Amino acid sequence: METIDKVRSILSERLDASPEEIHEGTSVQDDLGADSLDIVDIIMDIEEQFDMEVPEEDIPGLKTVEDIVKYIDKK
């Protein structure tokens, strides 16, 4: 499973969104309606799924699905 598919799965589960409506340009907050608590949960899911740690200062830069996928792939 590719990184984007895993991210899409996390977002669709957390935000009750259809995986088909989640693409690289999708904004987690603007398009999917995530609030700050959702963001914390999503980051925790990403850390668990990809066995990584996301420092708090990196979180503001993770606005779109593409941002998240690129961030994960760099780590």
PDB file of N, CA and C in Angstrom:
ATOM      1  N   MET A   1       0.850  -1.186   0.000  1.00  0.00           N
ATOM      2  CA  MET A   1       0.000   0.000   0.000  1.00  0.00           C
ATOM      3  C   MET A   1       0.891   1.243   0.000  1.00  0.00           C
ATOM      4  N   GLU A   2       0.583   2.173  -0.873  1.00  0.00           N
ATOM      5  CA  GLU A   2       1.371   3.395  -0.978  1.00  0.00           C
ATOM      6  C   GLU A   2       1.066   4.354   0.172  1.00  0.00           C
ATOM      7  N   THR A   3       1.975   5.264   0.380  1.00  0.00           N
ATOM      8  CA  THR A   3       1.816   6.251   1.457  1.00  0.00           C
ATOM      9  C   THR A   3       0.496   6.998   1.328  1.00  0.00           C
ATOM     10  N   ILE A   4       0.165   7.448   0.115  1.00  0.00           N
ATOM     11  CA  ILE A   4      -1.067   8.235  -0.038  1.00  0.00           C
ATOM     12  C   ILE A   4      -2.296   7.406   0.309  1.00  0.00           C
ATOM     13  N   ASP A   5      -2.265   6.115   0.006  1.00  0.00           N
ATOM     14  CA  ASP A   5      -3.406   5.261   0.332  1.00  0.00           C
ATOM     15  C   ASP A   5      -3.567   5.104   1.838  1.00  0.00           C
ATOM     16  N   LYS A   6      -2.452   4.989   2.547  1.00  0.00           N
ATOM     17  CA  LYS A   6      -2.500   4.881   4.007  1.00  0.00           C
ATOM     18  C   LYS A   6      -3.003   6.189   4.620  1.00  0.00           C
ATOM     19  N   VAL A   7      -2.513   7.314   4.107  1.00  0.00           N
ATOM     20  CA  VAL A   7      -2.952   8.627   4.604  1.00  0.00           C
ATOM     21  C   VAL A   7      -4.440   8.813   4.310  1.00  0.00           C
ATOM     22  N   ARG A   8      -4.856   8.453   3.117  1.00  0.00           N
ATOM     23  CA  ARG A   8      -6.270   8.552   2.729  1.00  0.00           C
ATOM     24  C   ARG A   8      -7.138   7.728   3.684  1.00  0.00           C
ATOM     25  N   SER A   9      -6.685   6.542   4.029  1.00  0.00           N
ATOM     26  CA  SER A   9      -7.423   5.672   4.937  1.00  0.00           C
ATOM     27  C   SER A   9      -7.546   6.299   6.326  1.00  0.00           C
ATOM     28  N   ILE A  10      -6.440   6.838   6.842  1.00  0.00           N
ATOM     29  CA  ILE A  10      -6.457   7.497   8.153  1.00  0.00           C
ATOM     30  C   ILE A  10      -7.440   8.663   8.147  1.00  0.00           C
ATOM     31  N   LEU A  11      -7.361   9.497   7.126  1.00  0.00           N
ATOM     32  CA  LEU A  11      -8.226  10.677   7.065  1.00  0.00           C
ATOM     33  C   LEU A  11      -9.691  10.295   6.908  1.00  0.00           C
ATOM     34  N   SER A  12      -9.975   9.309   6.086  1.00  0.00           N
ATOM     35  CA  SER A  12     -11.376   8.935   5.875  1.00  0.00           C
ATOM     36  C   SER A  12     -11.978   8.353   7.149  1.00  0.00           C
ATOM     37  N   GLU A  13     -11.187   7.582   7.890  1.00  0.00           N
ATOM     38  CA  GLU A  13     -11.680   7.021   9.150  1.00  0.00           C
ATOM     39  C   GLU A  13     -11.891   8.100  10.208  1.00  0.00           C
ATOM     40  N   ARG A  14     -10.922   8.988  10.362  1.00  0.00           N
ATOM     41  CA  ARG A  14     -10.990  10.016  11.401  1.00  0.00           C
ATOM     42  C   ARG A  14     -12.049  11.072  11.123  1.00  0.00           C
ATOM     43  N   LEU A  15     -12.235  11.390   9.840  1.00  0.00           N
ATOM     44  CA  LEU A  15     -13.083  12.534   9.497  1.00  0.00           C
ATOM     45  C   LEU A  15     -14.372  12.130   8.788  1.00  0.00           C
ATOM     46  N   ASP A  16     -14.696  10.853   8.800  1.00  0.00           N
ATOM     47  CA  ASP A  16     -15.900  10.349   8.141  1.00  0.00           C
ATOM     48  C   ASP A  16     -16.041  10.873   6.714  1.00  0.00           C
ATOM     49  N   ALA A  17     -14.943  10.840   5.994  1.00  0.00           N
ATOM     50  CA  ALA A  17     -14.936  11.308   4.602  1.00  0.00           C
ATOM     51  C   ALA A  17     -14.765  10.099   3.679  1.00  0.00           C
ATOM     52  N   SER A  18     -15.313  10.215   2.502  1.00  0.00           N
ATOM     53  CA  SER A  18     -15.158   9.162   1.511  1.00  0.00           C
ATOM     54  C   SER A  18     -13.737   9.190   0.962  1.00  0.00           C
ATOM     55  N   PRO A  19     -13.062   8.030   0.877  1.00  0.00           N
ATOM     56  CA  PRO A  19     -11.697   8.016   0.334  1.00  0.00           C
ATOM     57  C   PRO A  19     -11.611   8.606  -1.075  1.00  0.00           C
ATOM     58  N   GLU A  20     -12.688   8.510  -1.837  1.00  0.00           N
ATOM     59  CA  GLU A  20     -12.700   9.046  -3.197  1.00  0.00           C
ATOM     60  C   GLU A  20     -12.610  10.577  -3.234  1.00  0.00           C
ATOM     61  N   GLU A  21     -13.042  11.229  -2.168  1.00  0.00           N
ATOM     62  CA  GLU A  21     -12.988  12.701  -2.150  1.00  0.00           C
ATOM     63  C   GLU A  21     -11.668  13.227  -1.596  1.00  0.00           C
ATOM     64  N   ILE A  22     -10.773  12.326  -1.207  1.00  0.00           N
ATOM     65  CA  ILE A  22      -9.487  12.725  -0.648  1.00  0.00           C
ATOM     66  C   ILE A  22      -8.405  12.508  -1.706  1.00  0.00           C
ATOM     67  N   HIS A  23      -7.804  13.614  -2.150  1.00  0.00           N
ATOM     68  CA  HIS A  23      -6.737  13.546  -3.151  1.00  0.00           C
ATOM     69  C   HIS A  23      -5.588  14.425  -2.692  1.00  0.00           C
ATOM     70  N   GLU A  24      -4.520  14.485  -3.472  1.00  0.00           N
ATOM     71  CA  GLU A  24      -3.315  15.201  -3.034  1.00  0.00           C
ATOM     72  C   GLU A  24      -3.573  16.657  -2.664  1.00  0.00           C
ATOM     73  N   GLY A  25      -4.436  17.332  -3.394  1.00  0.00           N
ATOM     74  CA  GLY A  25      -4.684  18.745  -3.142  1.00  0.00           C
ATOM     75  C   GLY A  25      -5.681  19.030  -2.037  1.00  0.00           C
ATOM     76  N   THR A  26      -6.227  17.992  -1.435  1.00  0.00           N
ATOM     77  CA  THR A  26      -7.243  18.159  -0.395  1.00  0.00           C
ATOM     78  C   THR A  26      -6.630  18.779   0.865  1.00  0.00           C
ATOM     79  N   SER A  27      -7.266  19.865   1.334  1.00  0.00           N
ATOM     80  CA  SER A  27      -6.851  20.500   2.586  1.00  0.00           C
ATOM     81  C   SER A  27      -7.536  19.782   3.743  1.00  0.00           C
ATOM     82  N   VAL A  28      -6.747  19.363   4.711  1.00  0.00           N
ATOM     83  CA  VAL A  28      -7.298  18.606   5.830  1.00  0.00           C
ATOM     84  C   VAL A  28      -8.308  19.445   6.618  1.00  0.00           C
ATOM     85  N   GLN A  29      -8.016  20.718   6.803  1.00  0.00           N
ATOM     86  CA  GLN A  29      -8.933  21.567   7.559  1.00  0.00           C
ATOM     87  C   GLN A  29     -10.022  22.182   6.684  1.00  0.00           C
ATOM     88  N   ASP A  30      -9.643  22.796   5.572  1.00  0.00           N
ATOM     89  CA  ASP A  30     -10.616  23.510   4.752  1.00  0.00           C
ATOM     90  C   ASP A  30     -11.581  22.584   4.018  1.00  0.00           C
ATOM     91  N   ASP A  31     -11.067  21.503   3.440  1.00  0.00           N
ATOM     92  CA  ASP A  31     -11.914  20.614   2.649  1.00  0.00           C
ATOM     93  C   ASP A  31     -12.561  19.499   3.466  1.00  0.00           C
ATOM     94  N   LEU A  32     -11.849  19.011   4.472  1.00  0.00           N
ATOM     95  CA  LEU A  32     -12.355  17.883   5.252  1.00  0.00           C
ATOM     96  C   LEU A  32     -12.911  18.296   6.613  1.00  0.00           C
ATOM     97  N   GLY A  33     -12.732  19.572   6.969  1.00  0.00           N
ATOM     98  CA  GLY A  33     -13.329  20.099   8.195  1.00  0.00           C
ATOM     99  C   GLY A  33     -12.671  19.663   9.491  1.00  0.00           C
ATOM    100  N   ALA A  34     -11.401  19.292   9.437  1.00  0.00           N
ATOM    101  CA  ALA A  34     -10.706  18.873  10.657  1.00  0.00           C
ATOM    102  C   ALA A  34     -10.493  20.061  11.596  1.00  0.00           C
ATOM    103  N   ASP A  35     -10.754  19.838  12.880  1.00  0.00           N
ATOM    104  CA  ASP A  35     -10.446  20.870  13.869  1.00  0.00           C
ATOM    105  C   ASP A  35      -9.133  20.493  14.566  1.00  0.00           C
ATOM    106  N   SER A  36      -8.736  21.282  15.546  1.00  0.00           N
ATOM    107  CA  SER A  36      -7.428  21.060  16.177  1.00  0.00           C
ATOM    108  C   SER A  36      -7.341  19.699  16.868  1.00  0.00           C
ATOM    109  N   LEU A  37      -8.433  19.235  17.452  1.00  0.00           N
ATOM    110  CA  LEU A  37      -8.418  17.911  18.087  1.00  0.00           C
ATOM    111  C   LEU A  37      -8.289  16.806  17.044  1.00  0.00           C
ATOM    112  N   ASP A  38      -8.972  16.983  15.906  1.00  0.00           N
ATOM    113  CA  ASP A  38      -8.837  16.015  14.812  1.00  0.00           C
ATOM    114  C   ASP A  38      -7.399  15.938  14.333  1.00  0.00           C
ATOM    115  N   ILE A  39      -6.752  17.094  14.231  1.00  0.00           N
ATOM    116  CA  ILE A  39      -5.364  17.143  13.763  1.00  0.00           C
ATOM    117  C   ILE A  39      -4.463  16.344  14.708  1.00  0.00           C
ATOM    118  N   VAL A  40      -4.655  16.507  16.003  1.00  0.00           N
ATOM    119  CA  VAL A  40      -3.857  15.768  16.985  1.00  0.00           C
ATOM    120  C   VAL A  40      -4.065  14.265  16.802  1.00  0.00           C
ATOM    121  N   ASP A  41      -5.319  13.850  16.644  1.00  0.00           N
ATOM    122  CA  ASP A  41      -5.612  12.428  16.445  1.00  0.00           C
ATOM    123  C   ASP A  41      -5.000  11.904  15.150  1.00  0.00           C
ATOM    124  N   ILE A  42      -5.082  12.686  14.095  1.00  0.00           N
ATOM    125  CA  ILE A  42      -4.525  12.290  12.797  1.00  0.00           C
ATOM    126  C   ILE A  42      -3.006  12.134  12.904  1.00  0.00           C
ATOM    127  N   ILE A  43      -2.354  13.079  13.565  1.00  0.00           N
ATOM    128  CA  ILE A  43      -0.894  13.009  13.732  1.00  0.00           C
ATOM    129  C   ILE A  43      -0.522  11.766  14.535  1.00  0.00           C
ATOM    130  N   MET A  44      -1.287  11.459  15.571  1.00  0.00           N
ATOM    131  CA  MET A  44      -1.001  10.257  16.359  1.00  0.00           C
ATOM    132  C   MET A  44      -1.177   9.002  15.507  1.00  0.00           C
ATOM    133  N   ASP A  45      -2.213   8.979  14.672  1.00  0.00           N
ATOM    134  CA  ASP A  45      -2.427   7.839  13.769  1.00  0.00           C
ATOM    135  C   ASP A  45      -1.270   7.692  12.782  1.00  0.00           C
ATOM    136  N   ILE A  46      -0.813   8.819  12.250  1.00  0.00           N
ATOM    137  CA  ILE A  46       0.308   8.797  11.295  1.00  0.00           C
ATOM    138  C   ILE A  46       1.565   8.277  11.992  1.00  0.00           C
ATOM    139  N   GLU A  47       1.817   8.764  13.201  1.00  0.00           N
ATOM    140  CA  GLU A  47       2.999   8.315  13.943  1.00  0.00           C
ATOM    141  C   GLU A  47       2.954   6.806  14.175  1.00  0.00           C
ATOM    142  N   GLU A  48       1.784   6.299  14.515  1.00  0.00           N
ATOM    143  CA  GLU A  48       1.638   4.864  14.764  1.00  0.00           C
ATOM    144  C   GLU A  48       1.747   4.059  13.464  1.00  0.00           C
ATOM    145  N   GLN A  49       1.045   4.491  12.443  1.00  0.00           N
ATOM    146  CA  GLN A  49       1.022   3.762  11.171  1.00  0.00           C
ATOM    147  C   GLN A  49       2.398   3.698  10.512  1.00  0.00           C
ATOM    148  N   PHE A  50       3.149   4.793  10.588  1.00  0.00           N
ATOM    149  CA  PHE A  50       4.427   4.878   9.889  1.00  0.00           C
ATOM    150  C   PHE A  50       5.638   4.744  10.824  1.00  0.00           C
ATOM    151  N   ASP A  51       5.379   4.453  12.106  1.00  0.00           N
ATOM    152  CA  ASP A  51       6.430   4.263  13.096  1.00  0.00           C
ATOM    153  C   ASP A  51       7.433   5.419  13.057  1.00  0.00           C
ATOM    154  N   MET A  52       6.899   6.606  13.277  1.00  0.00           N
ATOM    155  CA  MET A  52       7.721   7.816  13.247  1.00  0.00           C
ATOM    156  C   MET A  52       7.198   8.798  14.284  1.00  0.00           C
ATOM    157  N   GLU A  53       7.972   9.837  14.521  1.00  0.00           N
ATOM    158  CA  GLU A  53       7.547  10.893  15.425  1.00  0.00           C
ATOM    159  C   GLU A  53       7.466  12.191  14.640  1.00  0.00           C
ATOM    160  N   VAL A  54       6.373  12.921  14.822  1.00  0.00           N
ATOM    161  CA  VAL A  54       6.191  14.202  14.148  1.00  0.00           C
ATOM    162  C   VAL A  54       6.339  15.301  15.204  1.00  0.00           C
ATOM    163  N   PRO A  55       7.449  16.041  15.158  1.00  0.00           N
ATOM    164  CA  PRO A  55       7.634  17.120  16.136  1.00  0.00           C
ATOM    165  C   PRO A  55       6.534  18.180  16.010  1.00  0.00           C
ATOM    166  N   GLU A  56       6.147  18.740  17.134  1.00  0.00           N
ATOM    167  CA  GLU A  56       5.056  19.721  17.177  1.00  0.00           C
ATOM    168  C   GLU A  56       5.284  20.879  16.211  1.00  0.00           C
ATOM    169  N   GLU A  57       6.548  21.291  16.043  1.00  0.00           N
ATOM    170  CA  GLU A  57       6.825  22.437  15.170  1.00  0.00           C
ATOM    171  C   GLU A  57       6.621  22.105  13.683  1.00  0.00           C
ATOM    172  N   ASP A  58       6.549  20.825  13.333  1.00  0.00           N
ATOM    173  CA  ASP A  58       6.326  20.438  11.933  1.00  0.00           C
ATOM    174  C   ASP A  58       4.844  20.400  11.557  1.00  0.00           C
ATOM    175  N   ILE A  59       3.976  20.295  12.534  1.00  0.00           N
ATOM    176  CA  ILE A  59       2.546  20.108  12.279  1.00  0.00           C
ATOM    177  C   ILE A  59       1.914  21.237  11.461  1.00  0.00           C
ATOM    178  N   PRO A  60       2.209  22.524  11.720  1.00  0.00           N
ATOM    179  CA  PRO A  60       1.575  23.589  10.925  1.00  0.00           C
ATOM    180  C   PRO A  60       1.847  23.488   9.412  1.00  0.00           C
ATOM    181  N   GLY A  61       2.916  22.836   9.017  1.00  0.00           N
ATOM    182  CA  GLY A  61       3.249  22.705   7.604  1.00  0.00           C
ATOM    183  C   GLY A  61       2.518  21.571   6.903  1.00  0.00           C
ATOM    184  N   LEU A  62       1.744  20.815   7.650  1.00  0.00           N
ATOM    185  CA  LEU A  62       1.036  19.662   7.090  1.00  0.00           C
ATOM    186  C   LEU A  62      -0.427  20.018   6.841  1.00  0.00           C
ATOM    187  N   LYS A  63      -0.649  20.821   5.813  1.00  0.00           N
ATOM    188  CA  LYS A  63      -1.987  21.341   5.545  1.00  0.00           C
ATOM    189  C   LYS A  63      -2.784  20.502   4.543  1.00  0.00           C
ATOM    190  N   THR A  64      -2.108  19.969   3.551  1.00  0.00           N
ATOM    191  CA  THR A  64      -2.805  19.184   2.526  1.00  0.00           C
ATOM    192  C   THR A  64      -2.345  17.729   2.572  1.00  0.00           C
ATOM    193  N   VAL A  65      -3.085  16.888   1.885  1.00  0.00           N
ATOM    194  CA  VAL A  65      -2.699  15.477   1.799  1.00  0.00           C
ATOM    195  C   VAL A  65      -1.309  15.362   1.188  1.00  0.00           C
ATOM    196  N   GLU A  66      -1.033  16.153   0.171  1.00  0.00           N
ATOM    197  CA  GLU A  66       0.286  16.132  -0.471  1.00  0.00           C
ATOM    198  C   GLU A  66       1.387  16.505   0.517  1.00  0.00           C
ATOM    199  N   ASP A  67       1.152  17.529   1.353  1.00  0.00           N
ATOM    200  CA  ASP A  67       2.129  17.928   2.374  1.00  0.00           C
ATOM    201  C   ASP A  67       2.449  16.746   3.294  1.00  0.00           C
ATOM    202  N   ILE A  68       1.408  16.046   3.720  1.00  0.00           N
ATOM    203  CA  ILE A  68       1.575  14.929   4.649  1.00  0.00           C
ATOM    204  C   ILE A  68       2.357  13.794   3.991  1.00  0.00           C
ATOM    205  N   VAL A  69       1.976  13.450   2.759  1.00  0.00           N
ATOM    206  CA  VAL A  69       2.642  12.351   2.048  1.00  0.00           C
ATOM    207  C   VAL A  69       4.119  12.671   1.821  1.00  0.00           C
ATOM    208  N   LYS A  70       4.414  13.880   1.369  1.00  0.00           N
ATOM    209  CA  LYS A  70       5.814  14.272   1.143  1.00  0.00           C
ATOM    210  C   LYS A  70       6.605  14.240   2.448  1.00  0.00           C
ATOM    211  N   TYR A  71       5.996  14.704   3.528  1.00  0.00           N
ATOM    212  CA  TYR A  71       6.655  14.715   4.834  1.00  0.00           C
ATOM    213  C   TYR A  71       7.001  13.293   5.252  1.00  0.00           C
ATOM    214  N   ILE A  72       6.039  12.385   5.138  1.00  0.00           N
ATOM    215  CA  ILE A  72       6.252  10.993   5.531  1.00  0.00           C
ATOM    216  C   ILE A  72       7.342  10.366   4.658  1.00  0.00           C
ATOM    217  N   ASP A  73       7.269  10.579   3.357  1.00  0.00           N
ATOM    218  CA  ASP A  73       8.240   9.973   2.441  1.00  0.00           C
ATOM    219  C   ASP A  73       9.659  10.477   2.681  1.00  0.00           C
ATOM    220  N   LYS A  74       9.816  11.717   3.176  1.00  0.00           N
ATOM    221  CA  LYS A  74      11.137  12.259   3.488  1.00  0.00           C
ATOM    222  C   LYS A  74      11.744  11.597   4.720  1.00  0.00           C
ATOM    223  N   LYS A  75      10.881  11.191   5.629  1.00  0.00           N
ATOM    224  CA  LYS A  75      11.348  10.588   6.892  1.00  0.00           C
ATOM    225  C   LYS A  75      11.693   9.180   6.621  1.00  0.00           C
TER     226      LYS A  75
END
